[in-house]
Amino acid sequence: MSDGAHPDPALAVRLRALTPARVGLACTGVSLETRDLLDFQRFHAQARDAVHSRLEAASLVTTLAQISSAEVLRLHSAAADRATYLQRPDLGRTLDEPSRDQLFRHAPPTEAPSKKLAFIVADGLSSLAVERHAAALISELFPHLDGWKLTPICVVEQARVAIGDEIGLALGAEISVVLIGERPGLSSPDSLGVYITFDPRPGRTDAERNCISNIRAEGMSYTQAAAQLVYYLTEARRRQLTGVALKEESHRLKAEG
């Protein structure tokens, strides 16, 4: 393609209609065309902004309090700022001391049965995803949670997925659900992920969780994500587990259906 022409321009057009991926790009000599180069720079800047932007936590707390009857707590990880969070993933997996003290005040009696559901909303690697999609997904999901008792919803800044283990244990939750901003791609700076963990406690591995990914306007809809999440919650309680075994079972059921 040294002359800038596509071997099959019609094929490139059809491919671009099917995916936001960068396919069928033309060249001028050994370089991309200016249009495609500028698009790449724009998408790259959007991804960087998503990673470095700070979550508007106060506004999100207010929104969640309006759409849910559950109390909403604002917490923070042990990563003091965004730069530390990006350089020290371990600090994003645990709470700072003020947040632990706040959770301690909401901990249930030790003799209380652990039959609760904990929702944790974490900024992760894209606060943009959380701001755009977390409240909408929760609003879609909560009417389908008959029979579940909710702990306070926790909004956590500078947080990783595993922070839900500490929070779920502290709140006496049977299952924790972490809504978190996923690592941005060049075509998806606002993708939300959901991680479900049965019997949350520090030390849980990713193999012991189930994940619902790519929740955004161009990906999985709120209705689809809520339905899949209800399935995982129901099966997790019935089978007393989450993770690889439950995922394999869900794939088998879909194949049979």
Protein backbone atom coordinates (compact mmCIF):
# COMPACT_ATOMS: atom_id res chain seq x y z
CA MET A 1 0.00 0.00 0.00
CA SER A 2 2.92 2.34 -0.59
CA ASP A 3 0.84 4.41 -3.03
CA GLY A 4 -1.82 5.03 -0.34
CA ALA A 5 -4.46 2.84 -1.96
CA HIS A 6 -6.24 -0.08 -0.31
CA PRO A 7 -6.11 -3.46 -2.07
CA ASP A 8 -9.90 -3.57 -1.61
CA PRO A 9 -11.40 -0.23 -0.49
CA ALA A 10 -14.89 -1.75 -0.29
CA LEU A 11 -13.66 -4.39 2.15
CA ALA A 12 -12.10 -1.72 4.36
CA VAL A 13 -15.40 0.16 4.45
CA ARG A 14 -17.30 -2.98 5.46
CA LEU A 15 -14.80 -3.79 8.20
CA ARG A 16 -15.02 -0.29 9.66
CA ALA A 17 -18.80 -0.65 9.81
CA LEU A 18 -18.40 -3.73 12.02
CA THR A 19 -15.80 -2.52 14.52
CA PRO A 20 -14.37 0.66 16.03
CA ALA A 21 -10.91 -0.94 15.77
CA ARG A 22 -8.35 0.75 13.55
CA VAL A 23 -8.53 -1.43 10.46
CA GLY A 24 -7.89 -0.79 6.77
CA LEU A 25 -5.78 2.32 7.30
CA ALA A 26 -4.28 3.92 4.22
CA CYS A 27 -0.65 4.98 3.93
CA THR A 28 1.23 7.77 2.25
CA GLY A 29 4.67 6.38 1.61
CA VAL A 30 5.64 4.71 4.89
CA SER A 31 3.39 6.96 7.02
CA LEU A 32 -0.28 6.97 7.95
CA GLU A 33 -2.53 9.48 6.31
CA THR A 34 -2.93 12.69 8.32
CA ARG A 35 -6.58 11.96 9.10
CA ASP A 36 -5.80 8.57 10.63
CA LEU A 37 -2.82 9.92 12.56
CA LEU A 38 -4.91 12.69 14.09
CA ASP A 39 -7.62 10.19 15.01
CA PHE A 40 -5.04 8.03 16.77
CA GLN A 41 -3.70 11.02 18.72
CA ARG A 42 -7.23 12.00 19.74
CA PHE A 43 -8.16 8.51 20.93
CA HIS A 44 -4.85 8.17 22.78
CA ALA A 45 -5.46 11.49 24.56
CA GLN A 46 -8.96 10.36 25.58
CA ALA A 47 -7.55 7.14 27.06
CA ARG A 48 -4.87 9.05 28.99
CA ASP A 49 -7.45 11.51 30.32
CA ALA A 50 -9.65 8.64 31.49
CA VAL A 51 -6.78 7.07 33.43
CA HIS A 52 -5.61 10.29 35.08
CA SER A 53 -8.93 12.03 35.73
CA ARG A 54 -10.23 12.16 39.28
CA LEU A 55 -13.62 10.74 40.16
CA GLU A 56 -16.28 13.31 41.14
CA ALA A 57 -17.05 11.21 44.21
CA ALA A 58 -19.26 13.72 46.05
CA SER A 59 -21.57 14.08 43.07
CA LEU A 60 -21.74 10.30 42.60
CA VAL A 61 -22.60 9.77 46.28
CA THR A 62 -25.47 12.24 45.95
CA THR A 63 -26.78 10.54 42.80
CA LEU A 64 -26.63 7.05 44.32
CA ALA A 65 -28.42 8.27 47.46
CA GLN A 66 -31.24 9.58 45.27
CA ILE A 67 -31.79 6.33 43.36
CA SER A 68 -31.35 3.90 46.25
CA SER A 69 -32.77 3.52 49.73
CA ALA A 70 -29.40 2.22 50.95
CA GLU A 71 -26.97 4.43 52.80
CA VAL A 72 -24.00 5.59 50.70
CA LEU A 73 -20.48 5.82 52.15
CA ARG A 74 -17.54 7.68 50.65
CA LEU A 75 -14.26 5.84 51.23
CA HIS A 76 -10.65 6.04 50.07
CA SER A 77 -7.92 3.50 49.43
CA ALA A 78 -4.45 3.62 50.96
CA ALA A 79 -3.20 5.30 47.77
CA ALA A 80 -3.19 8.97 48.74
CA ASP A 81 -3.34 10.38 45.20
CA ARG A 82 -3.63 9.35 41.56
CA ALA A 83 0.11 9.21 40.92
CA THR A 84 0.60 6.86 43.88
CA TYR A 85 -2.36 4.77 42.79
CA LEU A 86 -0.91 4.21 39.33
CA GLN A 87 2.55 3.35 40.66
CA ARG A 88 1.45 1.21 43.64
CA PRO A 89 -1.40 -1.14 42.72
CA ASP A 90 -1.11 -2.82 46.12
CA LEU A 91 -2.21 0.37 47.91
CA GLY A 92 -5.35 0.50 45.79
CA ARG A 93 -6.41 -2.90 47.13
CA THR A 94 -6.78 -1.80 50.74
CA LEU A 95 -8.50 1.03 52.60
CA ASP A 96 -6.87 3.89 54.45
CA GLU A 97 -7.35 4.11 58.21
CA PRO A 98 -10.16 6.73 58.25
CA SER A 99 -12.17 4.56 55.85
CA ARG A 100 -11.60 1.47 58.00
CA ASP A 101 -12.84 3.38 61.03
CA GLN A 102 -15.92 4.47 59.09
CA LEU A 103 -16.65 0.88 58.03
CA PHE A 104 -16.14 -0.35 61.59
CA ARG A 105 -19.03 1.86 62.69
CA HIS A 106 -21.28 0.14 60.12
CA ALA A 107 -20.14 -3.42 60.83
CA PRO A 108 -22.94 -5.82 61.80
CA PRO A 109 -22.94 -7.74 65.09
CA THR A 110 -20.55 -10.67 64.95
CA GLU A 111 -23.39 -13.11 65.54
CA ALA A 112 -25.45 -11.72 62.64
CA PRO A 113 -25.80 -14.12 59.68
CA SER A 114 -23.89 -13.10 56.55
CA LYS A 115 -26.74 -12.90 54.04
CA LYS A 116 -26.14 -9.43 52.65
CA LEU A 117 -25.11 -7.98 49.31
CA ALA A 118 -22.40 -5.30 49.22
CA PHE A 119 -22.06 -2.88 46.31
CA ILE A 120 -18.74 -1.11 45.87
CA VAL A 121 -18.33 1.58 43.20
CA ALA A 122 -14.63 2.15 42.49
CA ASP A 123 -12.96 4.56 40.09
CA GLY A 124 -10.40 2.01 38.88
CA LEU A 125 -8.57 3.03 35.72
CA SER A 126 -11.42 5.08 34.25
CA SER A 127 -13.39 7.45 36.44
CA LEU A 128 -15.19 8.46 33.24
CA ALA A 129 -16.73 4.98 32.99
CA VAL A 130 -17.97 5.12 36.57
CA GLU A 131 -19.44 8.60 36.20
CA ARG A 132 -21.25 7.67 32.99
CA HIS A 133 -22.51 4.18 33.77
CA ALA A 134 -22.44 3.15 37.46
CA ALA A 135 -25.59 4.94 38.62
CA ALA A 136 -27.51 3.95 35.47
CA LEU A 137 -26.59 0.27 35.90
CA ILE A 138 -27.53 0.30 39.58
CA SER A 139 -30.85 1.97 38.74
CA GLU A 140 -31.53 -0.78 36.18
CA LEU A 141 -30.45 -3.57 38.54
CA PHE A 142 -31.97 -2.73 41.93
CA PRO A 143 -35.64 -3.42 41.02
CA HIS A 144 -34.58 -7.03 40.32
CA LEU A 145 -33.01 -7.64 43.74
CA ASP A 146 -36.05 -8.89 45.62
CA GLY A 147 -35.00 -11.02 48.57
CA TRP A 148 -31.56 -9.44 48.91
CA LYS A 149 -30.58 -7.25 51.84
CA LEU A 150 -28.13 -4.49 50.95
CA THR A 151 -25.26 -3.17 53.00
CA PRO A 152 -24.37 0.53 52.59
CA ILE A 153 -23.18 1.29 49.06
CA CYS A 154 -19.50 2.26 49.13
CA VAL A 155 -17.96 4.76 46.71
CA VAL A 156 -14.19 4.31 46.86
CA GLU A 157 -11.55 6.58 45.34
CA GLN A 158 -8.20 5.30 44.02
CA ALA A 159 -9.42 1.72 44.27
CA ARG A 160 -8.68 -1.65 42.66
CA VAL A 161 -11.02 -4.64 42.36
CA ALA A 162 -9.68 -6.43 45.46
CA ILE A 163 -10.72 -3.59 47.75
CA GLY A 164 -14.19 -5.12 47.61
CA ASP A 165 -12.89 -8.11 49.60
CA GLU A 166 -11.97 -5.99 52.61
CA ILE A 167 -15.18 -3.99 52.41
CA GLY A 168 -17.40 -7.03 51.94
CA LEU A 169 -15.86 -8.78 54.94
CA ALA A 170 -16.17 -5.69 57.15
CA LEU A 171 -19.86 -5.28 56.25
CA GLY A 172 -20.67 -8.97 56.76
CA ALA A 173 -21.63 -9.48 53.12
CA GLU A 174 -22.34 -12.86 51.59
CA ILE A 175 -21.44 -11.49 48.15
CA SER A 176 -19.62 -8.34 47.05
CA VAL A 177 -20.20 -6.60 43.72
CA VAL A 178 -17.54 -4.17 42.54
CA LEU A 179 -18.42 -1.74 39.76
CA ILE A 180 -15.14 -0.35 38.44
CA GLY A 181 -13.71 1.61 35.51
CA GLU A 182 -11.78 -0.69 33.18
CA ARG A 183 -8.42 0.06 31.58
CA PRO A 184 -9.23 2.31 28.60
CA GLY A 185 -8.59 1.22 25.04
CA LEU A 186 -8.16 3.51 22.06
CA SER A 187 -11.84 3.08 21.19
CA SER A 188 -13.25 2.55 24.70
CA PRO A 189 -12.23 5.13 27.34
CA ASP A 190 -15.46 4.63 29.33
CA SER A 191 -15.91 0.87 29.72
CA LEU A 192 -17.37 -0.28 33.05
CA GLY A 193 -16.65 -3.69 34.56
CA VAL A 194 -18.44 -5.62 37.33
CA TYR A 195 -16.76 -8.20 39.58
CA ILE A 196 -18.80 -10.60 41.72
CA THR A 197 -17.18 -12.42 44.67
CA PHE A 198 -18.83 -14.94 46.98
CA ASP A 199 -17.71 -14.83 50.64
CA PRO A 200 -15.43 -11.80 50.12
CA ARG A 201 -12.30 -11.60 52.24
CA PRO A 202 -8.70 -10.47 51.69
CA GLY A 203 -6.72 -13.04 49.76
CA ARG A 204 -9.39 -13.90 47.21
CA THR A 205 -7.95 -14.37 43.72
CA ASP A 206 -9.34 -13.33 40.34
CA ALA A 207 -10.10 -17.00 39.65
CA GLU A 208 -12.65 -16.78 42.49
CA ARG A 209 -14.59 -13.94 40.88
CA ASN A 210 -16.93 -13.54 37.95
CA CYS A 211 -16.61 -10.56 35.63
CA ILE A 212 -19.04 -8.72 33.38
CA SER A 213 -17.12 -6.42 31.05
CA ASN A 214 -17.53 -3.73 28.38
CA ILE A 215 -20.64 -2.06 29.83
CA ARG A 216 -21.04 1.12 27.78
CA ALA A 217 -23.13 2.60 24.99
CA GLU A 218 -21.14 0.79 22.27
CA GLY A 219 -20.86 -2.46 24.23
CA MET A 220 -23.09 -4.33 26.67
CA SER A 221 -26.30 -2.50 27.58
CA TYR A 222 -27.44 -1.85 31.16
CA THR A 223 -30.34 -4.27 30.66
CA GLN A 224 -28.04 -7.05 29.45
CA ALA A 225 -25.52 -6.42 32.24
CA ALA A 226 -28.22 -6.36 34.92
CA ALA A 227 -29.71 -9.64 33.69
CA GLN A 228 -26.31 -11.34 33.66
CA LEU A 229 -25.51 -9.97 37.11
CA VAL A 230 -28.79 -11.27 38.55
CA TYR A 231 -27.93 -14.69 37.10
CA TYR A 232 -24.51 -14.70 38.76
CA LEU A 233 -25.93 -13.54 42.10
CA THR A 234 -28.64 -16.18 42.07
CA GLU A 235 -26.28 -18.99 41.12
CA ALA A 236 -23.58 -17.81 43.52
CA ARG A 237 -25.97 -17.99 46.44
CA ARG A 238 -27.38 -21.35 45.33
CA ARG A 239 -24.00 -22.97 44.72
CA GLN A 240 -22.06 -21.07 47.38
CA LEU A 241 -19.25 -20.01 45.03
CA THR A 242 -18.14 -17.66 42.29
CA GLY A 243 -15.28 -17.82 39.83
CA VAL A 244 -14.09 -20.33 37.27
CA ALA A 245 -16.53 -23.09 38.13
CA LEU A 246 -19.56 -20.81 37.93
CA LYS A 247 -18.31 -19.23 34.72
CA GLU A 248 -17.88 -22.61 33.06
CA GLU A 249 -21.38 -23.59 34.12
CA SER A 250 -22.87 -20.37 32.73
CA HIS A 251 -21.15 -20.96 29.39
CA ARG A 252 -22.49 -24.51 29.26
CA LEU A 253 -26.04 -23.36 29.97
CA LYS A 254 -25.83 -20.73 27.23
CA ALA A 255 -24.52 -23.31 24.76
CA GLU A 256 -27.36 -25.71 25.60
CA GLY A 257 -29.93 -22.94 25.34
